Amino acid sequence: MVAVHQRFRLLLAVVMAVVMMAALGSPPLAAHPDSFSSLVKAQQAKIVHIKTKNDDDGAPKPRKFFGPYRPPEFYHGMGSGFIISDDGLIVTNHHVVEGVKVIEVVLSDETTHRAQIVGMDERTDLALIKIDAENLPYVSFGDSATLEVGDWVVAIGNPLGLDHSVTAGIISAKGRNIFDAENVAYGEFIQTDAAINPGNSGGPLFNLDGEVIGVNTAVSSRGQGIGFALPSNLVVSIVQQIREHGRVIRGWLGVVIQEATVEWSISVGLPRSTRGILINDIVPNAPASRSSLRKGDVIISFDHQPLKKVPHLQKLVAFTPPGSTMPLEVMRRIEGESGWERITVEVRIGFEPSEKLLAQGTHGMVDKLDISLAEVPDDVRQRRGIAKGQGLMVERVGPNSLGGRMGLKQGDIILEVARQAVGDKDDLERVLRKATSNRIPILVQRDDRTLYLTLPAPQLK
């Protein structure tokens, strides 16, 4: 009997030793949080319920660019948002407040405030609104670049009109691109299985430190448990531009592109390791057309950053300040030979045209002047006393162009058109289209003097 007990104790010791060795040799798994209650209690007062109304049925226009991915549909004109400053600035989705007449914000204490739109960006589906209030609690943003797949996240919002509902889950994937009909990628979304339902749109996605690391924006129309949030680093950048300019200013290259796949590279004689973006076409009068870029070039780097995917180039260009000159490393076919050469092309990034002008092939009123325009450099503004966001500098005047015939010269700064101030190409296009006079006065600053030039309106038709 004693021998049996000894053998049992020996076996038990061996088993315990094996278990301990296995535990020591394996990395510890992250524990499931016991509760999210402390995070929720600390943050819920910073989340708002947004109610909207208009002359129709209260429902805003549906978003179109998501394709199989869509924003959660409105529940009788409702959405979510979160406070980012103590004086009442609130972030939400563009589709929550687009096209509505009245925006009401309900705080956690159940008080209701009328909100005004500060600025919106349809491309990223973000909007900044403001209520008249003081000493409000507000969120902190986290660094979305540090997120890892599998990290815990918490969503707080108003699904189906149910105030301050909380859902939890993990980050399922990062860098999910959603494309529009023109193959433009939007957002590089965070994918999460934290439930996002109608009314959650515009609400925050928190990490376990209580920091906003995303804005809940879209859900998959083809499955459950698949939601998408805009990463906080993008949100911070967009919000900063809206606060400073009232809108988002993006760079533009003006090329029609696709990924240069391995199969395609081999078929045209490029080295198998070549990865880049093939230029299928160049938009007339675009920044690329004024550089030495050619149709058929393969862009392999932008500002010394290697390129593999189309969305990467789109994002780099969009967030490059217009007027900046950027080096592009390009593979180009050697004329008369079967080989390729690596060259560097410098391109001055322009202002992204409005969607209306893009739909017209960018041949608007301004294009008929045959001039190139750019933001006024800061040193010129300071020297000439021109306010930020005011004026357009003429970079180039086409030979025998309408702009040249009316008297515009390189270096001129256009301040007013038809007695309306202009700050970008969209302003200029809008004023020219609305002008009713046959002779449109244009106020120009040239060197240290100002003068009026006259544009014959019939020649724009």
Protein backbone atom coordinates (compact mmCIF):
# COMPACT_ATOMS: atom_id res chain seq x y z
CA MET A 1 0.00 0.00 0.00
CA VAL A 2 2.86 2.38 0.85
CA ALA A 3 4.48 1.57 -2.48
CA VAL A 4 1.26 2.47 -4.32
CA HIS A 5 1.09 5.83 -2.57
CA GLN A 6 4.73 6.52 -3.38
CA ARG A 7 4.15 5.72 -7.04
CA PHE A 8 1.06 8.00 -7.08
CA ARG A 9 2.99 10.88 -5.49
CA LEU A 10 5.83 10.39 -7.99
CA LEU A 11 3.38 10.41 -10.93
CA LEU A 12 1.69 13.55 -9.58
CA ALA A 13 5.05 15.31 -9.24
CA VAL A 14 5.99 14.43 -12.82
CA VAL A 15 2.65 15.74 -14.14
CA MET A 16 3.02 19.01 -12.21
CA ALA A 17 6.57 19.43 -13.46
CA VAL A 18 5.45 18.95 -17.08
CA VAL A 19 2.66 21.48 -16.63
CA MET A 20 5.02 24.05 -15.09
CA MET A 21 7.60 23.57 -17.84
CA ALA A 22 4.94 24.01 -20.49
CA ALA A 23 3.70 27.17 -18.80
CA LEU A 24 7.21 28.59 -18.53
CA GLY A 25 7.96 27.81 -22.14
CA SER A 26 4.78 29.38 -23.59
CA PRO A 27 4.03 33.11 -23.81
CA PRO A 28 1.16 34.17 -21.57
CA LEU A 29 -2.14 34.86 -23.28
CA ALA A 30 -3.77 38.27 -22.79
CA ALA A 31 -6.51 37.93 -20.23
CA HIS A 32 -10.10 38.68 -21.05
CA PRO A 33 -11.00 41.89 -19.18
CA ASP A 34 -13.12 41.13 -16.14
CA SER A 35 -15.29 44.13 -17.01
CA PHE A 36 -15.42 47.20 -19.24
CA SER A 37 -17.50 49.09 -16.69
CA SER A 38 -14.79 51.49 -15.50
CA LEU A 39 -13.97 52.49 -19.08
CA VAL A 40 -17.65 53.03 -19.87
CA LYS A 41 -18.27 55.09 -16.72
CA ALA A 42 -15.30 57.33 -17.55
CA GLN A 43 -16.27 57.90 -21.20
CA GLN A 44 -20.04 57.74 -21.58
CA ALA A 45 -20.60 61.41 -20.70
CA LYS A 46 -18.45 62.31 -23.71
CA ILE A 47 -20.72 60.47 -26.18
CA VAL A 48 -23.70 62.29 -27.69
CA HIS A 49 -26.92 61.26 -29.40
CA ILE A 50 -27.53 63.14 -32.67
CA LYS A 51 -31.03 63.66 -34.03
CA THR A 52 -31.63 65.24 -37.43
CA LYS A 53 -34.62 66.63 -39.29
CA ASN A 54 -35.32 68.09 -42.70
CA ASP A 55 -38.25 68.91 -44.93
CA ASP A 56 -38.65 65.33 -46.07
CA ASP A 57 -38.77 62.30 -43.81
CA GLY A 58 -35.71 63.13 -41.72
CA ALA A 59 -33.52 60.58 -43.52
CA PRO A 60 -30.38 61.95 -45.24
CA LYS A 61 -29.26 60.89 -48.70
CA PRO A 62 -27.77 57.38 -48.75
CA ARG A 63 -24.03 57.03 -49.20
CA LYS A 64 -22.98 55.47 -52.49
CA PHE A 65 -19.26 54.80 -52.54
CA PHE A 66 -19.17 51.88 -50.12
CA GLY A 67 -20.54 49.27 -52.53
CA PRO A 68 -20.98 46.11 -50.43
CA TYR A 69 -19.87 48.12 -47.40
CA ARG A 70 -22.32 50.73 -46.24
CA PRO A 71 -22.95 53.08 -43.35
CA PRO A 72 -25.57 51.73 -40.97
CA GLU A 73 -28.84 53.16 -42.26
CA PHE A 74 -30.48 55.91 -40.26
CA TYR A 75 -33.04 55.01 -37.66
CA HIS A 76 -35.48 57.91 -38.08
CA GLY A 77 -32.65 60.43 -38.53
CA MET A 78 -30.39 59.40 -35.66
CA GLY A 79 -26.69 58.92 -35.17
CA SER A 80 -23.87 59.21 -32.67
CA GLY A 81 -20.94 61.51 -32.03
CA PHE A 82 -18.34 62.38 -29.41
CA ILE A 83 -17.08 65.60 -27.84
CA ILE A 84 -13.48 66.62 -28.62
CA SER A 85 -13.28 70.01 -26.84
CA ASP A 86 -14.74 71.58 -23.72
CA ASP A 87 -16.48 74.27 -25.81
CA GLY A 88 -18.67 71.84 -27.73
CA LEU A 89 -16.86 70.60 -30.83
CA ILE A 90 -18.22 67.18 -31.81
CA VAL A 91 -17.04 64.60 -34.34
CA THR A 92 -19.56 62.49 -36.24
CA ASN A 93 -20.04 61.01 -39.70
CA HIS A 94 -20.72 63.10 -42.78
CA HIS A 95 -23.67 60.89 -43.68
CA VAL A 96 -25.26 61.58 -40.27
CA VAL A 97 -25.63 65.33 -40.89
CA GLU A 98 -25.52 65.60 -44.68
CA GLY A 99 -28.45 67.40 -46.29
CA VAL A 100 -30.48 67.96 -43.13
CA LYS A 101 -32.07 71.17 -41.91
CA VAL A 102 -31.87 70.70 -38.14
CA ILE A 103 -29.20 68.98 -36.02
CA GLU A 104 -29.98 68.35 -32.37
CA VAL A 105 -27.40 66.98 -29.93
CA VAL A 106 -28.56 65.22 -26.79
CA LEU A 107 -25.93 65.09 -24.04
CA SER A 108 -25.65 62.42 -21.38
CA ASP A 109 -27.56 64.63 -18.92
CA GLU A 110 -30.47 64.56 -21.42
CA THR A 111 -30.19 68.25 -22.29
CA THR A 112 -30.69 69.05 -25.98
CA HIS A 113 -28.63 71.58 -27.93
CA ARG A 114 -28.95 72.84 -31.51
CA ALA A 115 -25.74 72.19 -33.49
CA GLN A 116 -24.13 73.94 -36.44
CA ILE A 117 -21.84 72.34 -39.01
CA VAL A 118 -18.23 73.54 -38.81
CA GLY A 119 -17.11 71.53 -41.84
CA MET A 120 -17.50 68.17 -43.54
CA ASP A 121 -15.47 65.78 -45.66
CA GLU A 122 -17.50 63.39 -47.79
CA ARG A 123 -14.42 61.46 -48.92
CA THR A 124 -13.70 60.15 -45.43
CA ASP A 125 -17.32 60.43 -44.21
CA LEU A 126 -16.37 62.77 -41.37
CA ALA A 127 -18.08 65.90 -40.07
CA LEU A 128 -17.29 68.42 -37.34
CA ILE A 129 -20.25 70.11 -35.66
CA LYS A 130 -20.51 72.48 -32.70
CA ILE A 131 -22.97 73.24 -29.93
CA ASP A 132 -23.03 76.34 -27.74
CA ALA A 133 -21.81 74.93 -24.41
CA GLU A 134 -18.90 75.20 -21.99
CA ASN A 135 -16.87 73.01 -19.62
CA LEU A 136 -17.86 69.78 -21.34
CA PRO A 137 -15.96 66.53 -20.80
CA TYR A 138 -14.13 65.44 -23.95
CA VAL A 139 -12.28 62.41 -25.28
CA SER A 140 -8.59 61.83 -25.92
CA PHE A 141 -7.34 60.31 -29.16
CA GLY A 142 -5.03 57.30 -29.20
CA ASP A 143 -2.45 56.36 -31.82
CA SER A 144 -4.15 54.03 -34.31
CA ALA A 145 -0.75 53.12 -35.79
CA THR A 146 0.04 51.10 -32.65
CA LEU A 147 -3.05 48.88 -32.89
CA GLU A 148 -2.65 45.16 -33.32
CA VAL A 149 -5.08 42.61 -34.69
CA GLY A 150 -6.65 40.91 -31.67
CA ASP A 151 -6.62 44.03 -29.43
CA TRP A 152 -9.77 44.58 -27.38
CA VAL A 153 -12.01 47.52 -28.41
CA VAL A 154 -15.24 49.02 -27.10
CA ALA A 155 -17.90 50.86 -29.13
CA ILE A 156 -20.33 53.27 -27.50
CA GLY A 157 -23.24 54.79 -29.39
CA ASN A 158 -26.97 54.97 -29.90
CA PRO A 159 -28.02 51.99 -32.00
CA LEU A 160 -31.73 52.03 -32.88
CA GLY A 161 -32.05 55.13 -30.72
CA LEU A 162 -31.00 53.31 -27.56
CA ASP A 163 -28.78 55.85 -25.79
CA HIS A 164 -25.25 54.94 -24.72
CA SER A 165 -25.30 51.29 -25.70
CA VAL A 166 -21.98 49.50 -25.29
CA THR A 167 -20.56 46.67 -27.39
CA ALA A 168 -17.13 45.06 -27.14
CA GLY A 169 -14.97 42.97 -29.44
CA ILE A 170 -11.54 42.83 -31.00
CA ILE A 171 -9.76 44.33 -33.96
CA SER A 172 -10.34 41.77 -36.70
CA ALA A 173 -8.08 43.38 -39.32
CA LYS A 174 -6.38 46.66 -40.20
CA GLY A 175 -5.95 48.64 -43.40
CA ARG A 176 -9.19 47.56 -45.05
CA ASN A 177 -9.65 49.71 -48.16
CA ILE A 178 -13.09 50.58 -49.49
CA PHE A 179 -13.17 51.68 -53.12
CA ASP A 180 -15.52 53.92 -55.07
CA ALA A 181 -16.52 53.58 -58.71
CA GLU A 182 -13.36 55.44 -59.79
CA ASN A 183 -11.15 52.97 -57.88
CA VAL A 184 -10.24 55.54 -55.23
CA ALA A 185 -9.61 54.01 -51.80
CA TYR A 186 -11.10 55.54 -48.70
CA GLY A 187 -9.86 55.44 -45.16
CA GLU A 188 -7.84 52.24 -44.62
CA PHE A 189 -10.49 51.16 -42.13
CA ILE A 190 -10.15 49.23 -38.91
CA GLN A 191 -12.29 46.08 -39.07
CA THR A 192 -13.91 45.01 -35.81
CA ASP A 193 -16.43 42.47 -34.56
CA ALA A 194 -17.71 44.89 -31.90
CA ALA A 195 -21.37 45.16 -32.94
CA ILE A 196 -22.18 48.28 -34.97
CA ASN A 197 -25.84 48.85 -35.73
CA PRO A 198 -28.08 51.60 -37.17
CA GLY A 199 -27.52 54.68 -35.00
CA ASN A 200 -23.90 53.82 -34.11
CA SER A 201 -22.62 55.89 -37.05
CA GLY A 202 -20.23 58.59 -35.88
CA GLY A 203 -19.66 57.05 -32.46
CA PRO A 204 -16.22 56.29 -31.03
CA LEU A 205 -14.27 53.05 -30.90
CA PHE A 206 -12.14 52.96 -27.71
CA ASN A 207 -9.06 51.01 -26.73
CA LEU A 208 -8.78 49.69 -23.16
CA ASP A 209 -6.99 52.89 -22.10
CA GLY A 210 -10.17 54.85 -22.87
CA GLU A 211 -8.67 56.52 -25.95
CA VAL A 212 -10.57 56.94 -29.20
CA ILE A 213 -8.79 54.88 -31.85
CA GLY A 214 -11.56 54.96 -34.47
CA VAL A 215 -14.90 56.38 -35.62
CA ASN A 216 -17.57 53.76 -36.32
CA THR A 217 -18.64 54.32 -39.90
CA ALA A 218 -19.63 51.28 -41.96
CA VAL A 219 -20.91 47.74 -41.76
CA SER A 220 -20.79 44.87 -44.22
CA SER A 221 -24.09 44.35 -45.99
CA ARG A 222 -23.12 40.73 -46.68
CA GLY A 223 -22.49 39.45 -43.17
CA GLN A 224 -22.88 40.01 -39.45
CA GLY A 225 -20.19 40.96 -36.97
CA ILE A 226 -18.16 42.91 -39.52
CA GLY A 227 -17.93 46.63 -38.82
CA PHE A 228 -15.50 49.30 -39.96
CA ALA A 229 -14.07 52.33 -38.18
CA LEU A 230 -11.95 55.17 -39.52
CA PRO A 231 -8.54 55.11 -37.76
CA SER A 232 -7.95 57.89 -35.26
CA ASN A 233 -4.76 59.19 -36.89
CA LEU A 234 -6.70 59.93 -40.07
CA VAL A 235 -9.55 61.45 -38.07
CA VAL A 236 -7.20 63.80 -36.20
CA SER A 237 -5.67 64.98 -39.47
CA ILE A 238 -9.05 65.60 -41.11
CA VAL A 239 -10.48 67.38 -38.06
CA GLN A 240 -7.43 69.63 -37.84
CA GLN A 241 -7.88 70.72 -41.47
CA ILE A 242 -11.60 71.34 -40.97
CA ARG A 243 -10.88 73.46 -37.89
CA GLU A 244 -8.27 75.50 -39.76
CA HIS A 245 -9.85 75.78 -43.22
CA GLY A 246 -13.47 74.68 -42.88
CA ARG A 247 -12.75 71.86 -45.33
CA VAL A 248 -10.06 69.37 -46.31
CA ILE A 249 -7.38 70.46 -48.79
CA ARG A 250 -5.94 67.52 -50.71
CA GLY A 251 -3.10 67.17 -53.13
CA TRP A 252 -3.71 65.96 -56.67
CA LEU A 253 -1.52 64.34 -59.31
CA GLY A 254 -4.02 63.69 -62.09
CA VAL A 255 -3.16 60.21 -63.34
CA VAL A 256 -5.23 57.12 -64.15
CA ILE A 257 -3.45 54.22 -62.49
CA GLN A 258 -3.45 50.52 -61.67
CA GLU A 259 -1.16 48.16 -59.80
CA ALA A 260 1.77 46.76 -61.80
CA THR A 261 1.38 43.09 -60.91
CA VAL A 262 4.16 40.51 -61.04
CA GLU A 263 2.54 38.84 -64.06
CA TRP A 264 2.28 42.12 -65.96
CA SER A 265 5.87 43.12 -65.08
CA ILE A 266 7.21 39.83 -66.43
CA SER A 267 5.14 40.15 -69.61
CA VAL A 268 6.67 43.56 -70.46
CA GLY A 269 10.23 42.68 -69.53
CA LEU A 270 10.47 44.39 -66.15
CA PRO A 271 12.49 42.64 -63.43
CA ARG A 272 10.29 40.18 -61.52
CA SER A 273 10.93 42.07 -58.27
CA THR A 274 9.57 45.35 -59.66
CA ARG A 275 6.52 46.55 -57.73
CA GLY A 276 4.83 49.81 -58.51
CA ILE A 277 1.92 51.71 -60.02
CA LEU A 278 1.34 51.77 -63.77
CA ILE A 279 0.19 55.05 -65.35
CA ASN A 280 -2.60 54.20 -67.81
CA ASP A 281 -3.39 57.80 -68.69
CA ILE A 282 -2.70 61.39 -67.66
CA VAL A 283 -5.56 63.85 -67.12
CA PRO A 284 -5.33 66.94 -69.38
CA ASN A 285 -4.26 70.13 -67.57
CA ALA A 286 -3.48 68.13 -64.40
CA PRO A 287 -0.20 68.52 -62.46
CA ALA A 288 1.14 65.30 -63.98
CA SER A 289 0.57 66.71 -67.47
CA ARG A 290 2.90 69.60 -66.65
CA SER A 291 5.69 67.22 -65.62
CA SER A 292 7.75 64.76 -67.63
CA LEU A 293 5.62 61.79 -66.53
CA ARG A 294 4.40 59.66 -69.43
CA LYS A 295 1.64 57.17 -70.07
CA GLY A 296 3.16 53.71 -69.52
CA ASP A 297 5.56 54.82 -66.79
CA VAL A 298 5.66 52.68 -63.63
CA ILE A 299 5.93 54.74 -60.42
CA ILE A 300 7.97 52.73 -57.92
CA SER A 301 8.38 55.37 -55.21
CA PHE A 302 6.81 58.66 -54.12
CA ASP A 303 8.98 60.98 -52.04
CA HIS A 304 11.40 58.06 -51.52
CA GLN A 305 8.63 55.79 -50.16
CA PRO A 306 8.39 52.48 -52.08
CA LEU A 307 4.98 51.77 -53.60
CA LYS A 308 3.14 48.48 -54.01
CA LYS A 309 -0.56 49.25 -53.89
CA VAL A 310 -2.73 51.92 -55.53
CA PRO A 311 -4.27 53.13 -52.22
CA HIS A 312 -0.79 53.84 -50.84
CA LEU A 313 -0.01 56.28 -53.65
CA GLN A 314 -3.47 57.82 -53.44
CA LYS A 315 -3.05 58.48 -49.73
CA LEU A 316 0.47 59.91 -50.08
CA VAL A 317 -0.60 62.32 -52.82
CA ALA A 318 -3.81 63.36 -51.04
CA PHE A 319 -1.95 64.33 -47.87
CA THR A 320 0.85 66.18 -49.67
CA PRO A 321 0.31 69.96 -49.40
CA PRO A 322 -0.60 71.44 -52.80
CA GLY A 323 2.31 73.40 -54.23
CA SER A 324 4.91 70.93 -52.91
CA THR A 325 7.38 69.49 -55.42
CA MET A 326 7.84 65.75 -54.93
CA PRO A 327 10.35 63.30 -56.43
CA LEU A 328 8.86 60.23 -58.10
CA GLU A 329 11.10 57.30 -59.00
CA VAL A 330 9.88 55.84 -62.27
CA MET A 331 10.63 52.87 -64.51
CA ARG A 332 10.37 53.91 -68.18
CA ARG A 333 10.71 51.84 -71.33
CA ILE A 334 13.80 52.82 -73.35
CA GLU A 335 12.70 54.09 -76.75
CA GLY A 336 13.60 51.75 -79.59
CA GLU A 337 14.75 49.04 -77.19
CA SER A 338 13.18 46.28 -75.13
CA GLY A 339 14.75 47.40 -71.83
CA TRP A 340 13.71 49.77 -69.08
CA GLU A 341 15.50 52.60 -67.29
CA ARG A 342 15.07 54.02 -63.80
CA ILE A 343 14.65 57.80 -63.69
CA THR A 344 13.52 60.45 -61.22
CA VAL A 345 10.70 62.82 -62.15
CA GLU A 346 9.79 65.85 -60.05
CA VAL A 347 6.12 66.83 -59.94
CA ARG A 348 4.52 69.88 -58.38
CA ILE A 349 1.40 68.64 -56.58
CA GLY A 350 -1.78 70.56 -57.33
CA PHE A 351 -5.11 71.12 -55.60
CA GLU A 352 -7.61 68.31 -55.95
CA PRO A 353 -10.49 69.52 -58.17
CA SER A 354 -14.05 69.38 -56.97
CA GLU A 355 -16.13 66.31 -57.86
CA LYS A 356 -18.14 68.47 -60.25
CA LEU A 357 -15.08 69.46 -62.22
CA LEU A 358 -13.82 65.89 -62.23
CA ALA A 359 -17.12 64.77 -63.69
CA GLN A 360 -16.63 67.35 -66.43
CA GLY A 361 -13.17 65.99 -67.16
CA THR A 362 -11.69 68.99 -65.27
CA HIS A 363 -12.49 71.22 -68.27
CA GLY A 364 -14.26 73.94 -66.32
CA MET A 365 -14.26 77.71 -66.67
CA VAL A 366 -10.83 78.02 -65.06
CA ASP A 367 -9.30 75.51 -67.47
CA LYS A 368 -10.45 77.63 -70.41
CA LEU A 369 -8.14 80.40 -69.16
CA ASP A 370 -5.20 78.00 -69.78
CA ILE A 371 -3.33 79.08 -66.65
CA SER A 372 -1.80 77.15 -63.76
CA LEU A 373 -2.73 78.23 -60.24
CA ALA A 374 -1.25 77.48 -56.83
CA GLU A 375 -1.66 78.46 -53.18
CA VAL A 376 0.16 81.66 -52.31
CA PRO A 377 3.44 80.74 -50.52
CA ASP A 378 3.64 81.77 -46.86
CA ASP A 379 6.65 84.05 -47.36
CA VAL A 380 4.81 85.94 -50.11
CA ARG A 381 1.72 86.26 -47.90
CA GLN A 382 3.76 87.75 -45.08
CA ARG A 383 5.61 90.12 -47.37
CA ARG A 384 2.47 91.36 -49.12
CA GLY A 385 0.05 91.22 -46.19
CA ILE A 386 -2.29 88.60 -47.67
CA ALA A 387 -4.38 86.57 -45.23
CA LYS A 388 -4.13 82.77 -45.05
CA GLY A 389 -6.59 81.13 -47.44
CA GLN A 390 -6.90 84.27 -49.57
CA GLY A 391 -5.72 84.60 -53.14
CA LEU A 392 -4.37 82.36 -55.91
CA MET A 393 -0.92 82.67 -57.47
CA VAL A 394 -0.57 82.35 -61.23
CA GLU A 395 2.23 79.87 -61.89
CA ARG A 396 2.01 79.63 -65.66
CA VAL A 397 0.20 81.42 -68.48
CA GLY A 398 -0.27 79.38 -71.63
CA PRO A 399 0.97 80.85 -74.91
CA ASN A 400 -1.81 82.72 -76.73
CA SER A 401 -4.17 81.74 -73.88
CA LEU A 402 -7.34 83.52 -72.80
CA GLY A 403 -5.67 84.30 -69.47
CA GLY A 404 -2.70 85.83 -71.26
CA ARG A 405 -4.89 87.85 -73.62
CA MET A 406 -6.75 89.40 -70.69
CA GLY A 407 -3.43 90.45 -69.16
CA LEU A 408 -2.57 87.84 -66.52
CA LYS A 409 1.14 87.24 -65.96
CA GLN A 410 3.19 84.64 -64.12
CA GLY A 411 3.50 85.65 -60.45
CA ASP A 412 0.21 87.57 -60.34
CA ILE A 413 -1.99 86.92 -57.32
CA ILE A 414 -5.73 86.82 -58.04
CA LEU A 415 -7.53 88.30 -55.02
CA GLU A 416 -11.09 88.90 -56.23
CA VAL A 417 -13.27 87.92 -59.16
CA ALA A 418 -16.52 89.82 -59.79
CA ARG A 419 -15.84 91.53 -56.44
CA GLN A 420 -15.86 88.21 -54.57
CA ALA A 421 -12.77 86.97 -52.71
CA VAL A 422 -11.27 83.71 -53.96
CA GLY A 423 -8.99 81.34 -52.05
CA ASP A 424 -8.75 78.29 -54.27
CA LYS A 425 -9.57 77.00 -57.74
CA ASP A 426 -13.04 75.83 -56.67
CA ASP A 427 -13.86 79.37 -55.47
CA LEU A 428 -12.69 80.80 -58.78
CA GLU A 429 -14.67 78.23 -60.79
CA ARG A 430 -17.83 78.90 -58.77
CA VAL A 431 -17.61 82.69 -59.14
CA LEU A 432 -16.95 82.50 -62.88
CA ARG A 433 -19.96 80.23 -63.39
CA LYS A 434 -22.25 82.58 -61.45
CA ALA A 435 -20.99 85.80 -63.07
CA THR A 436 -23.74 87.62 -64.98
CA SER A 437 -21.74 90.50 -66.47
CA ASN A 438 -20.24 90.24 -69.96
CA ARG A 439 -17.04 91.82 -68.63
CA ILE A 440 -15.86 90.21 -65.38
CA PRO A 441 -13.56 92.39 -63.21
CA ILE A 442 -10.59 90.55 -61.68
CA LEU A 443 -8.53 92.18 -58.92
CA VAL A 444 -4.86 91.20 -59.16
CA GLN A 445 -1.83 91.98 -57.01
CA ARG A 446 1.30 92.33 -59.12
CA ASP A 447 4.54 92.99 -57.28
CA ASP A 448 3.71 95.88 -54.92
CA ARG A 449 0.63 97.21 -56.68
CA THR A 450 -2.95 96.10 -57.31
CA LEU A 451 -4.86 96.47 -60.55
CA TYR A 452 -8.08 95.39 -62.21
CA LEU A 453 -8.09 93.23 -65.31
CA THR A 454 -11.18 92.47 -67.37
CA LEU A 455 -12.23 89.00 -68.53
CA PRO A 456 -14.65 88.87 -71.49
CA ALA A 457 -17.29 86.43 -70.21
CA PRO A 458 -18.54 85.35 -73.69
CA GLN A 459 -15.12 83.85 -74.41
CA LEU A 460 -15.64 81.38 -71.51
CA LYS A 461 -18.73 79.89 -73.13
